[in-house]
Protein backbone atom coordinates (compact mmCIF):
# COMPACT_ATOMS: atom_id res chain seq x y z
CA MET A 1 -92.03 -191.38 0.03
CA SER A 2 -93.58 -193.82 2.62
CA THR A 3 -96.42 -193.52 5.30
CA LEU A 4 -96.32 -195.24 8.87
CA LEU A 5 -97.84 -198.71 7.23
CA PHE A 6 -96.85 -198.83 3.52
CA ASP A 7 -94.85 -197.13 0.77
CA VAL A 8 -96.89 -194.79 -1.21
CA PRO A 9 -97.01 -196.56 -5.02
CA GLY A 10 -94.98 -194.81 -7.89
CA PRO A 11 -96.14 -193.71 -11.20
CA ARG A 12 -95.22 -197.30 -12.65
CA ALA A 13 -97.05 -199.01 -9.45
CA ARG A 14 -99.97 -196.84 -10.13
CA ARG A 15 -100.18 -197.76 -13.60
CA ARG A 16 -100.11 -201.20 -12.90
CA HIS A 17 -103.02 -201.13 -10.38
CA GLN A 18 -104.94 -199.39 -12.96
CA ILE A 19 -104.47 -201.98 -15.55
CA LEU A 20 -105.20 -204.57 -12.75
CA SER A 21 -108.23 -202.87 -12.01
CA VAL A 22 -109.82 -202.44 -15.51
CA VAL A 23 -108.79 -206.19 -16.15
CA THR A 24 -110.76 -207.25 -12.97
CA VAL A 25 -113.84 -205.35 -13.86
CA VAL A 26 -113.87 -206.74 -17.24
CA VAL A 27 -113.36 -210.42 -16.18
CA VAL A 28 -116.27 -209.87 -13.76
CA ALA A 29 -118.25 -208.30 -16.20
CA ALA A 30 -117.83 -211.00 -18.72
CA PHE A 31 -118.79 -213.45 -15.85
CA LEU A 32 -121.73 -211.67 -15.09
CA GLY A 33 -122.62 -211.81 -18.62
CA LEU A 34 -122.14 -215.56 -19.40
CA VAL A 35 -124.19 -216.29 -16.07
CA VAL A 36 -127.11 -214.21 -17.46
CA TRP A 37 -126.74 -215.55 -21.08
CA ARG A 38 -127.17 -218.93 -19.13
CA PHE A 39 -130.08 -218.13 -17.27
CA ALA A 40 -131.66 -216.82 -20.68
CA SER A 41 -130.64 -219.62 -22.54
CA THR A 42 -132.07 -222.23 -19.97
CA GLY A 43 -135.39 -220.30 -19.65
CA GLN A 44 -134.72 -219.14 -16.06
CA PHE A 45 -136.08 -215.73 -16.89
CA ASP A 46 -139.52 -217.19 -17.90
CA TYR A 47 -142.25 -215.50 -16.39
CA GLU A 48 -143.97 -218.45 -14.86
CA LEU A 49 -141.13 -219.14 -12.67
CA TRP A 50 -141.22 -215.71 -11.22
CA GLU A 51 -144.79 -214.92 -11.12
CA VAL A 52 -145.13 -216.68 -7.66
CA PHE A 53 -143.34 -213.79 -5.85
CA VAL A 54 -145.83 -211.24 -7.21
CA THR A 55 -148.92 -213.49 -6.21
CA PRO A 56 -150.37 -212.20 -2.97
CA ALA A 57 -151.15 -215.72 -1.79
CA TYR A 58 -147.33 -216.79 -1.97
CA ILE A 59 -146.39 -213.48 -0.86
CA GLU A 60 -148.03 -214.06 2.11
CA ILE A 61 -146.45 -217.29 2.62
CA ILE A 62 -142.94 -215.66 2.43
CA LEU A 63 -144.05 -212.85 4.83
CA GLU A 64 -145.14 -215.53 7.47
CA GLY A 65 -141.64 -217.24 6.87
CA LEU A 66 -139.87 -214.02 7.15
CA TYR A 67 -142.07 -213.51 10.68
CA TYR A 68 -140.48 -216.82 12.04
CA THR A 69 -137.20 -216.18 10.84
CA LEU A 70 -137.14 -212.83 12.37
CA LEU A 71 -138.71 -214.59 15.87
CA ALA A 72 -136.33 -217.25 15.66
CA ALA A 73 -133.38 -214.57 15.13
CA VAL A 74 -134.42 -212.47 18.00
CA MET A 75 -134.75 -215.26 20.61
CA ALA A 76 -131.66 -216.87 19.64
CA ILE A 77 -129.64 -213.64 19.84
CA ALA A 78 -130.99 -212.69 22.84
CA GLY A 79 -130.50 -215.86 24.63
CA ALA A 80 -127.00 -216.33 23.16
CA LEU A 81 -125.92 -212.99 24.70
CA VAL A 82 -127.48 -213.95 27.98
CA PHE A 83 -125.61 -217.43 27.61
CA GLY A 84 -122.50 -215.88 26.46
CA MET A 85 -122.12 -213.41 29.33
CA LEU A 86 -122.88 -215.97 32.06
CA PHE A 87 -120.57 -218.59 31.02
CA GLY A 88 -117.81 -216.01 30.15
CA ILE A 89 -117.84 -214.59 33.26
CA GLY A 90 -118.06 -218.06 34.70
CA LYS A 91 -114.98 -218.78 33.02
CA LEU A 92 -113.27 -216.28 34.67
CA SER A 93 -114.35 -217.39 38.18
CA ASP A 94 -111.99 -217.87 41.12
CA HIS A 95 -113.82 -221.14 42.34
CA ALA A 96 -112.90 -223.91 40.51
CA TRP A 97 -116.56 -225.75 40.67
CA VAL A 98 -117.68 -222.92 38.71
CA ARG A 99 -115.31 -222.25 36.33
CA TRP A 100 -114.55 -225.98 35.13
CA PRO A 101 -118.07 -226.93 34.52
CA CYS A 102 -118.62 -223.57 32.47
CA TRP A 103 -115.20 -224.10 30.62
CA ALA A 104 -116.66 -227.86 29.75
CA ILE A 105 -120.16 -226.68 28.83
CA VAL A 106 -118.66 -223.84 26.33
CA GLU A 107 -115.86 -226.05 24.83
CA PHE A 108 -118.29 -229.03 24.35
CA PHE A 109 -121.18 -226.80 22.52
CA ARG A 110 -118.25 -225.29 20.40
CA ALA A 111 -116.77 -228.31 19.03
CA VAL A 112 -120.45 -229.87 18.13
CA PRO A 113 -121.46 -229.02 14.61
CA LEU A 114 -124.78 -226.77 14.70
CA PHE A 115 -126.31 -229.28 12.11
CA ILE A 116 -126.09 -232.17 14.26
CA LEU A 117 -127.04 -230.10 17.58
CA ILE A 118 -130.13 -228.89 15.79
CA THR A 119 -130.96 -232.54 14.76
CA TYR A 120 -130.55 -234.10 17.92
CA LEU A 121 -132.80 -231.63 19.63
CA TRP A 122 -135.17 -232.26 17.25
CA ALA A 123 -134.93 -235.80 17.89
CA LEU A 124 -135.51 -235.09 21.74
CA TYR A 125 -138.77 -233.91 20.55
CA ARG A 126 -139.91 -236.89 18.93
CA PHE A 127 -139.67 -235.55 15.35
CA GLN A 128 -142.18 -233.25 15.68
CA ILE A 129 -142.42 -230.74 12.58
CA GLU A 130 -142.90 -227.22 12.41
CA LEU A 131 -141.13 -226.43 15.74
CA LEU A 132 -138.99 -223.28 16.37
CA ALA A 133 -137.73 -224.59 19.86
CA PRO A 134 -134.76 -227.33 18.78
CA LEU A 135 -133.73 -224.45 16.16
CA VAL A 136 -133.71 -221.68 18.83
CA ILE A 137 -132.25 -224.09 21.54
CA GLY A 138 -129.39 -224.92 19.16
CA LEU A 139 -128.46 -221.63 18.42
CA ILE A 140 -128.48 -220.35 21.87
CA LEU A 141 -126.01 -222.94 22.88
CA TYR A 142 -123.95 -222.82 19.92
CA ASN A 143 -123.76 -219.14 19.35
CA GLY A 144 -123.57 -218.60 23.11
CA SER A 145 -120.74 -220.58 23.45
CA VAL A 146 -118.92 -218.51 20.90
CA LEU A 147 -119.78 -215.41 22.62
CA ALA A 148 -118.85 -216.59 25.67
CA GLU A 149 -115.24 -216.84 24.71
CA THR A 150 -115.51 -213.40 23.24
CA PHE A 151 -116.83 -212.16 26.48
CA ARG A 152 -114.00 -213.64 28.28
CA ALA A 153 -111.42 -212.22 25.96
CA GLY A 154 -112.79 -208.93 26.25
CA ILE A 155 -113.06 -208.56 29.83
CA ASN A 156 -109.23 -209.66 30.03
CA ALA A 157 -108.48 -206.90 27.35
CA VAL A 158 -109.56 -204.31 29.93
CA PRO A 159 -106.33 -202.79 31.19
CA LYS A 160 -105.01 -204.44 34.39
CA GLY A 161 -104.23 -200.90 35.79
CA GLN A 162 -107.84 -200.09 35.93
CA VAL A 163 -108.46 -203.30 37.69
CA GLU A 164 -105.74 -203.12 40.17
CA ALA A 165 -106.75 -199.46 41.19
CA ALA A 166 -110.38 -200.51 41.59
CA TYR A 167 -109.04 -203.37 43.92
CA ALA A 168 -107.04 -200.94 45.68
CA LEU A 169 -110.10 -198.82 46.43
CA GLY A 170 -111.57 -201.75 48.35
CA MET A 171 -114.02 -203.17 45.75
CA ARG A 172 -114.84 -206.67 45.63
CA LYS A 173 -114.62 -208.54 42.47
CA SER A 174 -118.21 -208.62 41.56
CA ALA A 175 -118.02 -205.03 41.69
CA VAL A 176 -115.16 -204.66 39.76
CA MET A 177 -116.59 -206.95 37.04
CA ARG A 178 -120.00 -205.28 37.03
CA ILE A 179 -118.52 -201.38 37.24
CA VAL A 180 -114.91 -201.57 35.49
CA GLN A 181 -114.44 -204.44 33.43
CA LEU A 182 -117.84 -205.29 31.80
CA PRO A 183 -118.72 -201.87 30.72
CA GLN A 184 -115.54 -201.42 28.93
CA ALA A 185 -115.42 -204.95 27.75
CA ILE A 186 -118.80 -204.49 25.57
CA LYS A 187 -117.47 -201.67 23.92
CA ILE A 188 -114.43 -203.40 22.96
CA MET A 189 -116.45 -206.47 21.96
CA THR A 190 -119.31 -205.08 20.02
CA PRO A 191 -117.87 -205.66 16.23
CA ALA A 192 -117.50 -209.23 17.39
CA ILE A 193 -120.91 -209.58 18.90
CA ILE A 194 -122.25 -207.93 15.77
CA SER A 195 -120.74 -210.61 13.75
CA GLN A 196 -121.99 -213.47 15.68
CA CYS A 197 -125.44 -212.10 15.68
CA ILE A 198 -125.46 -211.99 12.07
CA VAL A 199 -124.18 -215.58 12.03
CA ALA A 200 -126.87 -216.49 14.52
CA LEU A 201 -129.75 -214.95 11.83
CA LYS A 202 -128.26 -216.60 9.06
CA ASP A 203 -128.18 -219.98 10.67
CA THR A 204 -131.78 -219.78 11.18
CA SER A 205 -131.94 -221.37 7.50
CA LEU A 206 -130.85 -224.44 8.99
CA GLY A 207 -134.48 -224.76 10.20
CA TYR A 208 -134.99 -226.19 6.87
CA ILE A 209 -133.51 -229.59 8.25
CA ILE A 210 -136.27 -229.97 10.72
CA VAL A 211 -138.96 -228.58 8.94
CA ALA A 212 -139.06 -225.19 11.26
CA PRO A 213 -141.18 -222.45 9.91
CA GLY A 214 -139.26 -219.94 8.31
CA LEU A 215 -138.08 -218.52 5.08
CA THR A 216 -136.37 -221.78 4.01
CA TYR A 217 -139.38 -223.72 5.00
CA ALA A 218 -141.69 -221.22 2.93
CA GLY A 219 -139.18 -221.63 0.14
CA ARG A 220 -139.71 -225.11 0.28
CA GLN A 221 -143.38 -225.19 -0.25
CA ILE A 222 -143.17 -222.78 -3.00
CA TRP A 223 -140.29 -224.47 -5.08
CA ARG A 224 -142.11 -228.01 -4.36
CA GLU A 225 -145.13 -226.49 -6.21
CA PHE A 226 -143.44 -224.65 -8.95
CA ASP A 227 -140.05 -226.44 -9.47
CA ASN A 228 -138.45 -223.05 -9.44
CA HIS A 229 -135.46 -223.62 -7.10
CA LEU A 230 -133.13 -220.97 -8.44
CA GLN A 231 -135.39 -218.47 -8.45
CA VAL A 232 -136.46 -218.86 -4.77
CA ALA A 233 -132.81 -219.29 -3.99
CA LEU A 234 -132.21 -216.08 -5.14
CA VAL A 235 -135.07 -214.36 -3.47
CA LEU A 236 -134.41 -215.71 -0.22
CA GLY A 237 -131.05 -215.08 -0.26
CA ALA A 238 -131.62 -211.15 -1.32
CA ILE A 239 -133.73 -211.32 1.61
CA TYR A 240 -131.12 -212.84 3.93
CA ILE A 241 -128.61 -210.10 2.80
CA ILE A 242 -131.08 -207.45 3.35
CA LEU A 243 -131.81 -208.61 6.94
CA ASN A 244 -127.86 -208.93 7.70
CA LEU A 245 -127.46 -205.18 6.22
CA CYS A 246 -130.35 -204.08 8.74
CA LEU A 247 -128.83 -205.81 11.22
CA GLU A 248 -125.17 -204.53 11.01
CA GLN A 249 -126.32 -201.02 10.75
CA LEU A 250 -128.70 -201.50 13.97
CA GLY A 251 -125.56 -202.68 15.69
CA ARG A 252 -123.39 -199.96 14.43
CA PHE A 253 -126.17 -197.59 15.68
CA ALA A 254 -125.66 -199.33 19.24
CA GLN A 255 -121.97 -198.98 19.15
CA ARG A 256 -122.16 -195.31 18.24
CA ARG A 257 -124.55 -194.59 20.76
CA LEU A 258 -122.55 -196.50 23.48
CA THR A 259 -119.17 -194.91 22.54
CA GLU A 260 -121.08 -191.50 22.75
CA SER A 261 -122.56 -191.90 25.95
CA ARG A 262 -119.41 -193.34 27.46
CA THR A 263 -117.38 -190.05 25.94
CA VAL A 264 -120.10 -187.53 27.46
CA GLN A 265 -119.85 -189.18 30.83
CA GLY A 266 -116.03 -189.48 31.05
CA ASP A 267 -116.22 -185.59 29.99
CA ALA A 268 -118.76 -184.75 32.46
CA GLY A 269 -116.54 -186.89 35.07
CA ALA A 270 -113.81 -185.04 34.08
CA ASP A 271 -115.22 -181.48 34.41
CA ASP A 272 -116.56 -182.67 38.18
CA ALA A 273 -112.97 -183.31 38.89
CA THR A 274 -111.63 -180.28 37.68
CA LEU A 275 -114.40 -178.29 39.60
CA ALA A 276 -113.28 -180.43 42.81
CA VAL A 277 -109.84 -179.53 42.60
CA ARG A 278 -110.62 -175.88 42.16
């Protein structure tokens, strides 16, 4: 028996899969047990190493770092979306004097490592510390360049028949882009946009290299005082995981609303057309 994509496993294959699943669970459990034992034997569970995370003064430091991380992420994501849309559309321009500069800028900032880009922007500020600007600008340029390619690919993914029909109705290219291509492209690109927004949020941790305010800077203050690098890394990692999960759920909610709204509009348009025919 088979399905469209793969053959349904038989009794022997199912038994083999069950054995492999059990072995995998045992190996993972043994590895986690080894990690816990190692932490316990080296004193990583001592209360004085974790006490800082229940101390109000240091909780305030972490919350302040969380605020600046979210601020940098929001500004970077918003700027990257605008940058990506403008330069993605620019790469599709019929005018060479628009298309080639957009192509050069996007390819340049996609190729430059983000670490080097942020460090260079920080140097332009003459090594001033506790600045968000170099971090945010670097995130916008890098992630915006990646999103520019995403927008370009999404626009090109719209069926050509719809574009040709719009031109046949006498619409100009700007109107076709705004009314026909871009709304459908955004729907197609939503998963990729969500993924890149998560990347931008995680990359705010690179503010550590220029001492920009944020979670990693707050962690730096704590572990330099208490020498608990592992504990700080685990707590900050958990915070970033929670933030990324929240951002992913927000993106999925937006995608669902966008899909539903377009479906309702499409149904309403079909009903109107039916009434007009009758």
